[in-house]
Amino acid sequence: MTDFERALRALDVDWPPTPEIALELAPRRRTRLVLAVALIAALAAAFAVPQSRSAILRLFHLGGVTVVQVETLPPAAELPLASGLGSQVSGDKAETILGAPFLPVRHGTLYEQNGFVSTLLAEPGPMVLSEFGSAYLIKKLAAGKVESVEVGPGVPGLWIAGAPHVVFFPGISPRLAGNVLVWVKGGVTFRLEGRGLGQQTALRLAREILGTGSS
């Protein structure tokens, strides 16, 4: 069995039930199916490039995020944080897309792409905050670290830092990403990214977003 096959077997993909007639799939289930297929396709594409094949060191999964820690990154471009955020949407539209209230840390412009609602933050440095439901994205790390953190009582998180990693969003070309904090609350996955983002700053901002203070 190859490393890629082992990775696919280890992934906890939430496949929707198969209906008797494919046309009866509800819109949300169709979306989840498409995203799950996109997840596998993205992994397959990464491992199809000989120079990007490497031993899978560890797998992590939290909410809508799957992290594959590897020795060598696949090819990816370094793009601005604002790239691929999608079209501008209202707060009401963002809430409808997520099925839960949107929780921006500050008032700003909201964008939507393939079920991901994002906003750009300027302080304390350029960052992007994204929220999404059952969609999946992948991170593959070379020399960085991945550790579990507690964002708040009953709010688990993952801190990804130490080296650039490649991030795959549905329908968007993979890109290099900076330090990232991921957490889950009320069925919504939050992702905060900034190239110079530190762990304590990320945790403080996450707690502000959740309204739990800075402790």
Protein backbone atom coordinates (compact mmCIF):
# COMPACT_ATOMS: atom_id res chain seq x y z
CA MET A 1 0.00 0.00 0.00
CA THR A 2 1.39 3.43 -0.97
CA ASP A 3 1.65 6.50 1.29
CA PHE A 4 -1.18 8.08 -0.68
CA GLU A 5 -3.45 5.07 -0.18
CA ARG A 6 -2.70 5.09 3.55
CA ALA A 7 -3.53 8.83 3.66
CA LEU A 8 -6.89 8.30 2.01
CA ARG A 9 -7.76 5.44 4.35
CA ALA A 10 -6.84 7.60 7.36
CA LEU A 11 -8.90 10.63 6.29
CA ASP A 12 -12.20 11.00 8.15
CA VAL A 13 -14.33 12.15 5.21
CA ASP A 14 -17.98 12.70 6.07
CA TRP A 15 -19.58 11.04 3.04
CA PRO A 16 -23.31 11.70 2.60
CA PRO A 17 -25.68 8.71 2.41
CA THR A 18 -26.22 7.36 -1.10
CA PRO A 19 -29.83 7.93 -2.21
CA GLU A 20 -31.79 5.55 -4.41
CA ILE A 21 -31.73 8.12 -7.21
CA ALA A 22 -28.76 10.47 -7.58
CA LEU A 23 -31.00 13.36 -8.65
CA GLU A 24 -32.66 13.29 -5.23
CA LEU A 25 -29.52 14.57 -3.49
CA ALA A 26 -30.32 17.70 -1.50
CA PRO A 27 -28.20 20.79 -2.39
CA ARG A 28 -26.20 20.65 0.87
CA ARG A 29 -25.46 16.93 0.45
CA ARG A 30 -24.44 17.50 -3.16
CA THR A 31 -22.06 20.21 -1.99
CA ARG A 32 -20.53 17.95 0.67
CA LEU A 33 -20.09 15.17 -1.88
CA VAL A 34 -18.39 17.48 -4.37
CA LEU A 35 -16.08 18.84 -1.68
CA ALA A 36 -15.16 15.36 -0.47
CA VAL A 37 -14.31 14.34 -4.04
CA ALA A 38 -12.32 17.56 -4.43
CA LEU A 39 -10.37 16.70 -1.27
CA ILE A 40 -9.34 13.31 -2.65
CA ALA A 41 -8.55 14.81 -6.05
CA ALA A 42 -6.32 17.45 -4.46
CA LEU A 43 -4.38 14.81 -2.56
CA ALA A 44 -4.08 12.69 -5.68
CA ALA A 45 -2.75 15.64 -7.67
CA ALA A 46 -0.18 16.44 -5.00
CA PHE A 47 1.12 12.89 -4.84
CA ALA A 48 1.12 12.50 -8.63
CA VAL A 49 4.13 14.83 -8.83
CA PRO A 50 7.25 12.70 -8.16
CA GLN A 51 9.20 15.46 -6.40
CA SER A 52 6.28 16.10 -4.04
CA ARG A 53 5.84 12.47 -2.94
CA SER A 54 7.11 12.03 0.58
CA ALA A 55 6.47 10.08 3.73
CA ILE A 56 3.31 11.13 5.52
CA LEU A 57 4.41 11.98 9.03
CA ARG A 58 1.04 12.58 10.67
CA LEU A 59 -2.61 13.35 9.99
CA PHE A 60 -4.81 15.80 11.90
CA HIS A 61 -8.50 16.59 11.51
CA LEU A 62 -10.60 19.28 13.16
CA GLY A 63 -13.98 20.49 11.94
CA GLY A 64 -13.68 21.24 8.23
CA VAL A 65 -9.89 21.05 8.17
CA THR A 66 -7.63 18.11 7.44
CA VAL A 67 -3.89 18.60 7.93
CA VAL A 68 -1.43 16.21 6.29
CA GLN A 69 2.06 16.63 7.71
CA VAL A 70 4.73 15.55 5.21
CA GLU A 71 8.45 15.83 4.65
CA THR A 72 8.27 17.64 1.29
CA LEU A 73 5.76 20.18 -0.03
CA PRO A 74 4.12 19.92 -3.46
CA PRO A 75 4.61 22.90 -5.80
CA ALA A 76 2.57 25.98 -4.87
CA ALA A 77 2.72 29.72 -5.47
CA GLU A 78 3.03 32.44 -2.84
CA LEU A 79 -0.02 34.67 -3.32
CA PRO A 80 -1.50 37.65 -1.43
CA LEU A 81 -3.83 36.83 1.45
CA ALA A 82 -6.65 38.55 -0.43
CA SER A 83 -6.41 36.24 -3.44
CA GLY A 84 -9.28 33.84 -4.02
CA LEU A 85 -11.61 35.30 -1.38
CA GLY A 86 -14.49 35.53 -3.86
CA SER A 87 -17.32 38.04 -4.15
CA GLN A 88 -18.40 40.62 -1.60
CA VAL A 89 -21.44 39.62 0.50
CA SER A 90 -23.53 41.15 3.26
CA GLY A 91 -23.56 39.99 6.88
CA ASP A 92 -27.04 38.54 6.42
CA LYS A 93 -25.88 36.60 3.35
CA ALA A 94 -22.84 35.32 5.25
CA GLU A 95 -25.09 34.06 8.05
CA THR A 96 -27.33 32.31 5.51
CA ILE A 97 -24.34 30.63 3.86
CA LEU A 98 -22.90 29.40 7.16
CA GLY A 99 -26.19 28.45 8.80
CA ALA A 100 -24.89 30.22 11.92
CA PRO A 101 -24.10 33.82 12.92
CA PHE A 102 -20.94 35.28 11.39
CA LEU A 103 -18.56 36.51 14.05
CA PRO A 104 -16.15 39.08 12.58
CA VAL A 105 -13.59 40.41 15.04
CA ARG A 106 -14.07 43.90 13.53
CA HIS A 107 -16.48 45.40 11.06
CA GLY A 108 -15.09 44.93 7.56
CA THR A 109 -15.84 43.76 4.07
CA LEU A 110 -17.04 40.15 3.82
CA TYR A 111 -16.29 37.85 0.89
CA GLU A 112 -17.67 34.44 -0.09
CA GLN A 113 -16.21 31.68 -2.23
CA ASN A 114 -17.52 28.10 -2.38
CA GLY A 115 -19.11 28.32 1.08
CA PHE A 116 -16.12 30.06 2.72
CA VAL A 117 -16.88 33.48 4.23
CA SER A 118 -13.78 35.62 4.81
CA THR A 119 -12.70 39.06 5.92
CA LEU A 120 -9.32 40.81 5.91
CA LEU A 121 -7.90 42.14 9.17
CA ALA A 122 -5.23 44.86 9.26
CA GLU A 123 -4.20 44.80 12.93
CA PRO A 124 -1.87 43.74 14.45
CA GLY A 125 -0.73 42.69 10.95
CA PRO A 126 -2.21 41.54 7.64
CA MET A 127 -4.47 38.53 8.35
CA VAL A 128 -7.43 36.75 6.83
CA LEU A 129 -10.24 35.27 8.92
CA SER A 130 -12.40 32.60 7.25
CA GLU A 131 -15.45 30.71 8.49
CA PHE A 132 -17.01 27.65 6.88
CA GLY A 133 -19.19 24.67 7.67
CA SER A 134 -18.66 21.09 6.55
CA ALA A 135 -16.33 21.96 3.67
CA TYR A 136 -12.83 20.50 3.76
CA LEU A 137 -9.47 22.07 3.09
CA ILE A 138 -6.04 20.45 3.22
CA LYS A 139 -2.74 21.65 4.57
CA LYS A 140 0.53 19.85 3.82
CA LEU A 141 3.50 20.88 5.91
CA ALA A 142 7.21 20.38 5.40
CA ALA A 143 9.17 21.42 8.50
CA GLY A 144 6.44 23.20 10.44
CA LYS A 145 4.71 22.11 13.61
CA VAL A 146 1.11 21.21 14.28
CA GLU A 147 -0.14 21.22 17.84
CA SER A 148 -3.46 21.03 19.61
CA VAL A 149 -4.47 24.12 21.61
CA GLU A 150 -7.45 25.16 23.70
CA VAL A 151 -8.97 28.34 22.33
CA GLY A 152 -11.60 28.41 25.05
CA PRO A 153 -13.60 26.10 27.33
CA GLY A 154 -14.79 23.29 25.09
CA VAL A 155 -13.32 24.99 21.99
CA PRO A 156 -10.50 22.88 20.48
CA GLY A 157 -7.97 24.32 18.07
CA LEU A 158 -4.94 23.53 15.94
CA TRP A 159 -1.91 25.81 15.71
CA ILE A 160 0.13 25.41 12.49
CA ALA A 161 3.41 27.32 12.35
CA GLY A 162 7.17 27.23 11.98
CA ALA A 163 7.37 27.00 8.17
CA PRO A 164 5.19 27.79 5.17
CA HIS A 165 2.71 25.10 4.19
CA VAL A 166 0.49 24.48 1.18
CA VAL A 167 -3.23 25.06 1.54
CA PHE A 168 -5.91 23.66 -0.78
CA PHE A 169 -9.31 25.37 -0.96
CA PRO A 170 -12.09 23.88 -3.13
CA GLY A 171 -11.98 25.31 -6.65
CA ILE A 172 -8.82 27.41 -6.03
CA SER A 173 -5.22 26.69 -6.98
CA PRO A 174 -3.04 25.63 -4.01
CA ARG A 175 -0.95 28.37 -2.41
CA LEU A 176 1.68 28.77 0.25
CA ALA A 177 0.25 29.83 3.61
CA GLY A 178 1.69 31.37 6.75
CA ASN A 179 0.96 30.65 10.40
CA VAL A 180 -2.61 29.49 11.02
CA LEU A 181 -4.94 28.96 13.98
CA VAL A 182 -7.97 26.75 13.36
CA TRP A 183 -10.83 26.24 15.82
CA VAL A 184 -14.41 24.96 15.83
CA LYS A 185 -17.45 26.41 17.56
CA GLY A 186 -21.12 25.63 17.03
CA GLY A 187 -20.56 23.60 13.89
CA VAL A 188 -18.56 26.38 12.22
CA THR A 189 -14.82 26.09 11.53
CA PHE A 190 -12.75 29.26 11.93
CA ARG A 191 -9.38 29.78 10.23
CA LEU A 192 -7.11 32.72 11.06
CA GLU A 193 -3.98 33.16 8.92
CA GLY A 194 -1.13 35.65 8.99
CA ARG A 195 2.46 35.25 7.84
CA GLY A 196 3.81 36.96 10.96
CA LEU A 197 1.04 35.76 13.27
CA GLY A 198 2.22 34.54 16.68
CA GLN A 199 0.45 31.92 18.76
CA GLN A 200 -0.46 34.16 21.68
CA THR A 201 -1.76 36.88 19.38
CA ALA A 202 -3.79 34.34 17.42
CA LEU A 203 -5.33 32.92 20.60
CA ARG A 204 -6.14 36.40 21.90
CA LEU A 205 -7.87 37.35 18.64
CA ALA A 206 -9.76 34.05 18.53
CA ARG A 207 -11.06 34.65 22.06
CA GLU A 208 -12.11 38.19 21.10
CA ILE A 209 -14.01 36.76 18.14
CA LEU A 210 -15.76 34.26 20.40
CA GLY A 211 -16.39 36.88 23.09
CA THR A 212 -14.55 34.91 25.76
CA GLY A 213 -11.93 37.55 26.60
CA SER A 214 -8.17 37.30 26.42
CA SER A 215 -7.43 34.90 29.27
